[in-house]
Protein backbone atom coordinates (compact mmCIF):
# COMPACT_ATOMS: atom_id res chain seq x y z
CA UNK A 1 71.48 -65.50 -16.00
CA UNK A 2 72.31 -63.08 -18.78
CA UNK A 3 74.45 -59.98 -18.11
CA UNK A 4 74.96 -57.11 -20.57
CA UNK A 5 77.21 -54.07 -20.31
CA UNK A 6 75.92 -51.05 -22.26
CA UNK A 7 78.47 -48.21 -22.56
CA UNK A 8 77.07 -44.67 -22.37
CA UNK A 9 79.57 -43.75 -25.11
CA UNK A 10 78.94 -46.07 -28.07
CA UNK A 11 82.63 -45.82 -29.04
CA UNK A 12 83.90 -47.06 -25.65
CA UNK A 13 85.44 -50.53 -25.95
CA UNK A 14 84.42 -52.49 -22.86
CA UNK A 15 84.70 -56.21 -22.23
CA UNK A 16 82.69 -58.22 -19.71
CA UNK A 17 83.36 -61.42 -17.85
CA UNK A 18 81.38 -63.35 -15.25
CA UNK A 19 82.02 -66.52 -13.33
CA UNK A 20 80.24 -68.69 -10.78
CA UNK A 21 81.67 -69.91 -7.48
CA UNK A 22 80.20 -71.60 -4.41
CA UNK A 23 80.85 -68.62 -2.13
CA UNK A 24 82.72 -65.44 -3.05
CA UNK A 25 85.88 -64.90 -0.97
CA UNK A 26 89.33 -63.32 -1.35
CA UNK A 27 90.59 -66.70 -2.57
CA UNK A 28 88.38 -66.72 -5.66
CA UNK A 29 88.38 -63.10 -6.82
CA UNK A 30 90.55 -62.20 -9.82
CA UNK A 31 93.60 -62.29 -9.81
CA UNK A 32 93.48 -65.07 -7.17
CA UNK A 33 90.96 -67.17 -9.08
CA UNK A 34 92.30 -70.67 -9.73
CA UNK A 35 89.03 -72.42 -10.49
CA UNK A 36 85.32 -71.76 -10.76
CA UNK A 37 82.10 -73.59 -11.58
CA UNK A 38 81.75 -71.86 -14.95
CA UNK A 39 82.91 -68.70 -16.67
CA UNK A 40 81.92 -66.62 -19.68
CA UNK A 41 83.45 -63.57 -21.38
CA UNK A 42 82.65 -61.28 -24.30
CA UNK A 43 84.92 -58.74 -25.96
CA UNK A 44 85.20 -56.86 -29.23
CA UNK A 45 85.75 -59.36 -32.00
CA UNK A 46 89.05 -59.36 -33.84
CA UNK A 47 87.31 -60.51 -37.00
CA UNK A 48 83.79 -60.74 -38.43
CA UNK A 49 81.66 -63.80 -37.70
CA UNK A 50 79.46 -65.18 -40.44
CA UNK A 51 75.79 -64.42 -39.90
CA UNK A 52 76.42 -62.31 -36.78
CA UNK A 53 76.98 -58.63 -36.12
CA UNK A 54 78.40 -56.93 -33.05
CA UNK A 55 77.50 -53.55 -31.64
CA UNK A 56 78.85 -51.57 -28.67
CA UNK A 57 77.23 -53.86 -26.05
CA UNK A 58 78.76 -57.02 -24.63
CA UNK A 59 76.74 -59.91 -23.18
CA UNK A 60 77.49 -63.13 -21.31
CA UNK A 61 74.62 -65.62 -21.44
CA UNK A 62 75.41 -69.07 -20.13
CA UNK A 63 75.54 -68.62 -16.36
CA UNK A 64 73.31 -71.44 -15.16
CA UNK A 65 72.73 -72.85 -11.68
CA UNK A 66 70.36 -75.79 -11.89
CA UNK A 67 70.69 -77.90 -8.73
CA UNK A 68 73.02 -75.75 -6.59
CA UNK A 69 72.91 -72.08 -5.68
CA UNK A 70 76.07 -70.32 -6.86
CA UNK A 71 77.31 -66.78 -6.45
CA UNK A 72 78.28 -64.82 -9.56
CA UNK A 73 81.17 -62.37 -9.90
CA UNK A 74 80.81 -59.86 -12.75
CA UNK A 75 83.75 -57.86 -14.10
CA UNK A 76 83.73 -55.03 -16.62
CA UNK A 77 87.04 -53.95 -18.11
CA UNK A 78 88.22 -51.39 -20.62
CA UNK A 79 90.20 -52.47 -23.68
CA UNK A 80 92.76 -50.72 -25.89
CA UNK A 81 93.77 -48.21 -23.19
CA UNK A 82 90.26 -47.46 -21.92
CA UNK A 83 90.78 -46.79 -18.20
CA UNK A 84 87.40 -45.30 -17.30
CA UNK A 85 83.93 -44.78 -18.66
CA UNK A 86 80.27 -44.90 -17.82
CA UNK A 87 78.05 -47.86 -18.51
CA UNK A 88 74.84 -49.56 -17.45
CA UNK A 89 74.79 -53.18 -16.35
CA UNK A 90 71.66 -55.17 -17.23
CA UNK A 91 71.06 -58.48 -15.44
CA UNK A 92 68.32 -60.81 -16.65
CA UNK A 93 67.33 -63.91 -14.69
CA UNK A 94 65.51 -66.73 -16.40
CA UNK A 95 63.84 -69.79 -14.95
CA UNK A 96 64.01 -73.19 -16.56
């Protein structure tokens, strides 16, 4: 699974995180999350990365369930004082 947040305002600084659990419940939703199968996050870089560029979108890519079905929790947060804003969420499923 690949999930991308695309802000409507290109200057809006959003971050995205996603994690996999067996079954979503109150016990494994942030801030009560103590463990998960896997997790990924993407935020605005603090420094440049050689050979890569970053735009206003944020993507998490490595959410994989091969032998077991997992549920995915996706969170979008504002950074640097951003408390609200509009965005689109794009979810792409791939088969192996």
